[in-house]
Every structure is written in C-alpha cells, then in structure tokens.
Amino acid sequence: MGPRRDQIKKVPVIDRSKLPNSFEFVVVAGARARQLMRGAQPRVTGTIKPVTTAQREVIEGLVAPEGTETTTRVPARAPVGETAAAEG
C-alpha cells in the first residue's frame, strides 16, 4: 500500500502561459542547474534539488540568458571546462 494522499509531497507546477518563452526557460534553467551541480551558490533558499532551484531562480528573475540584464547571466551552452566564467 502506497503513501496516503496527505503524505504525498506537492510538486510545484510551472504555469507556462506566464512565461514569455518556454523554450528559453528550459534552456536557461538547464544551464543554471548544471552550474549548481558544479558548485555554484544558489540564489534562493528552501529547495534541495538543483533543477528545482534553477527553475525558481529563472522564474524569480535572478538568472537570465546571456545578453540580458539581471543578477546572473547564464550562457545557453557553456563550453566544457569553463564553468567558473559561466558562474559569474
């Protein structure tokens, strides 16, 4: 028998209709998640998993694609071995 309904952790759902570009969101969040897995400091608190943390950072405007103004610019595809430059 599985866990009871009140014991199941709720997974946050991202409302794609509020995103200006869902493809860009996925690319930026993925690049940021890789940075977090390599040891970059998270800019939000309360999350454990790097992917969830990255998604929250992008949604809250704490990271953005290169070429835009924000706290951290995340390259769409960082060259291998250049993680320090990508982490700002």
Foldseek 3Di string as FASTA:
>chain_A
DDDDPVPDDDDDDDDCVPDPDVVQLVLQLVQQLVLVVVPQDQPDDDDDRSSVSSSVCVVVQQEHDPPDDHPAHAHSDDDPPPSVVRSD
